[in-house]
Amino acid sequence: MSADLKKLFDKLKKRFTAGVLEQDTVYYFSLGEGDDFKWVLSAGPDKCTVKKGKVENADCVLKTTPDIFLRMVEEGYVPGGMDVITGRVKISSVPLMRKLQEAFKLGEAAPPAGAAAAAKPGKAKK
């Protein structure tokens, strides 16, 4: 599962859209027991880093299962009230989680390799 999570977070990082987040934001993901299930994503207006591990002070914490997180990233799944009531999903900041969805295009197909470098704002092909 650890290798699968690394691939998922690598995919997530490639989806980063500069300009969506107005300030540096730290997201902490607790996706199970053990160090292999703890991840930190730091993103700002023009940068994004991902690393395995814990962080003391995160702006937003998401605690859920790897399966639910996979669905959130790849299918655009939005946890509902029952997920929260049953404890399957815990989110410390819903507004920041929405920003994460927007900044990383959760639920959209990942762009082809090199597409982000080729796309320049204001330079669309005619």
Protein backbone atom coordinates (compact mmCIF):
# COMPACT_ATOMS: atom_id res chain seq x y z
CA MET A 1 0.00 0.00 0.00
CA SER A 2 2.90 2.38 0.71
CA ALA A 3 4.06 2.23 -2.92
CA ASP A 4 0.48 2.84 -4.08
CA LEU A 5 0.21 5.91 -1.85
CA LYS A 6 3.52 7.26 -3.17
CA LYS A 7 2.22 6.90 -6.74
CA LEU A 8 -1.04 8.59 -5.75
CA PHE A 9 0.75 11.54 -4.13
CA ASP A 10 3.12 11.82 -7.12
CA LYS A 11 0.07 11.96 -9.38
CA LEU A 12 -1.52 14.55 -7.10
CA LYS A 13 1.60 16.73 -7.24
CA LYS A 14 1.57 16.68 -11.07
CA ARG A 15 -1.99 18.04 -11.01
CA PHE A 16 -1.03 21.18 -9.08
CA THR A 17 -2.43 24.37 -10.60
CA ALA A 18 -0.47 27.50 -9.77
CA GLY A 19 -2.45 30.57 -8.73
CA VAL A 20 -5.35 28.82 -7.00
CA LEU A 21 -3.99 29.03 -3.46
CA GLU A 22 -3.44 32.58 -2.26
CA GLN A 23 -1.01 31.68 0.53
CA ASP A 24 1.24 28.82 1.62
CA THR A 25 -0.90 26.01 3.03
CA VAL A 26 0.15 22.77 4.73
CA TYR A 27 -2.09 19.72 4.38
CA TYR A 28 -1.54 16.66 6.55
CA PHE A 29 -2.99 13.30 5.48
CA SER A 30 -3.37 10.48 7.98
CA LEU A 31 -4.48 7.52 5.91
CA GLY A 32 -3.95 4.67 8.36
CA GLU A 33 -1.73 3.37 11.13
CA GLY A 34 2.04 3.57 10.78
CA ASP A 35 4.49 6.00 9.22
CA ASP A 36 3.84 4.78 5.66
CA PHE A 37 0.32 6.20 5.87
CA LYS A 38 1.26 9.76 6.94
CA TRP A 39 1.86 12.39 4.25
CA VAL A 40 2.42 16.14 4.12
CA LEU A 41 1.55 18.31 1.13
CA SER A 42 2.76 21.91 1.22
CA ALA A 43 1.39 24.18 -1.47
CA GLY A 44 1.35 27.88 -2.18
CA PRO A 45 0.51 30.25 -5.00
CA ASP A 46 3.24 28.85 -7.28
CA LYS A 47 4.74 25.74 -5.69
CA CYS A 48 3.91 22.32 -4.30
CA THR A 49 5.91 19.73 -2.37
CA VAL A 50 4.90 16.32 -1.08
CA LYS A 51 6.70 14.18 1.47
CA LYS A 52 5.99 11.15 3.58
CA GLY A 53 5.87 11.88 7.30
CA LYS A 54 4.16 13.89 9.97
CA VAL A 55 3.93 17.60 10.66
CA GLU A 56 3.21 19.42 13.90
CA ASN A 57 1.16 22.35 12.58
CA ALA A 58 -0.96 21.73 9.52
CA ASP A 59 -3.52 24.19 8.18
CA CYS A 60 -5.77 21.31 7.16
CA VAL A 61 -5.84 17.70 8.35
CA LEU A 62 -7.58 14.87 6.50
CA LYS A 63 -7.93 11.57 8.31
CA THR A 64 -9.48 8.73 6.31
CA THR A 65 -8.70 5.41 4.66
CA PRO A 66 -6.43 4.98 1.64
CA ASP A 67 -9.41 3.74 -0.38
CA ILE A 68 -11.51 6.83 0.31
CA PHE A 69 -8.57 9.13 -0.45
CA LEU A 70 -7.97 7.27 -3.72
CA ARG A 71 -11.62 7.85 -4.65
CA MET A 72 -11.30 11.55 -3.74
CA VAL A 73 -8.26 11.99 -5.99
CA GLU A 74 -9.22 9.82 -8.94
CA GLU A 75 -13.02 9.96 -8.98
CA GLY A 76 -13.75 13.35 -7.44
CA TYR A 77 -15.52 11.67 -4.53
CA VAL A 78 -16.75 14.21 -1.99
CA PRO A 79 -17.24 12.71 1.47
CA GLY A 80 -20.78 13.13 2.72
CA GLY A 81 -22.38 13.60 6.08
CA MET A 82 -22.51 9.87 6.81
CA ASP A 83 -18.75 9.61 6.22
CA VAL A 84 -18.20 12.30 8.82
CA ILE A 85 -20.80 11.00 11.29
CA THR A 86 -19.39 7.46 11.15
CA GLY A 87 -15.82 8.75 11.50
CA ARG A 88 -14.70 7.36 8.14
CA VAL A 89 -13.57 10.87 7.22
CA LYS A 90 -12.32 13.66 9.46
CA ILE A 91 -11.48 17.06 7.98
CA SER A 92 -10.23 19.95 10.08
CA SER A 93 -11.02 22.68 7.52
CA VAL A 94 -13.70 22.21 4.88
CA PRO A 95 -12.82 25.49 3.06
CA LEU A 96 -9.16 24.43 2.75
CA MET A 97 -10.21 20.98 1.57
CA ARG A 98 -12.28 22.65 -1.16
CA LYS A 99 -9.21 24.69 -2.14
CA LEU A 100 -7.23 21.44 -2.35
CA GLN A 101 -9.88 20.00 -4.68
CA GLU A 102 -9.64 23.08 -6.87
CA ALA A 103 -5.84 23.45 -6.85
CA PHE A 104 -5.25 19.77 -7.67
CA LYS A 105 -8.24 19.15 -9.94
CA LEU A 106 -9.43 16.23 -7.86
CA GLY A 107 -11.59 13.89 -9.88
CA GLU A 108 -10.29 15.04 -13.25
CA ALA A 109 -8.12 12.91 -15.48
CA ALA A 110 -4.44 13.59 -14.93
CA PRO A 111 -2.87 15.69 -17.71
CA PRO A 112 -0.45 13.92 -20.07
CA ALA A 113 3.23 14.15 -19.13
CA GLY A 114 4.66 17.51 -20.17
CA ALA A 115 1.23 19.10 -20.70
CA ALA A 116 1.65 21.49 -17.77
CA ALA A 117 4.89 22.85 -19.21
CA ALA A 118 3.32 23.29 -22.64
CA ALA A 119 0.26 25.16 -21.39
CA LYS A 120 0.90 28.87 -20.97
CA PRO A 121 -1.81 31.24 -19.71
CA GLY A 122 -3.01 33.53 -22.49
CA LYS A 123 -1.24 31.56 -25.23
CA ALA A 124 -4.00 29.26 -26.40
CA LYS A 125 -3.69 27.81 -29.89
CA LYS A 126 -6.19 28.98 -32.46
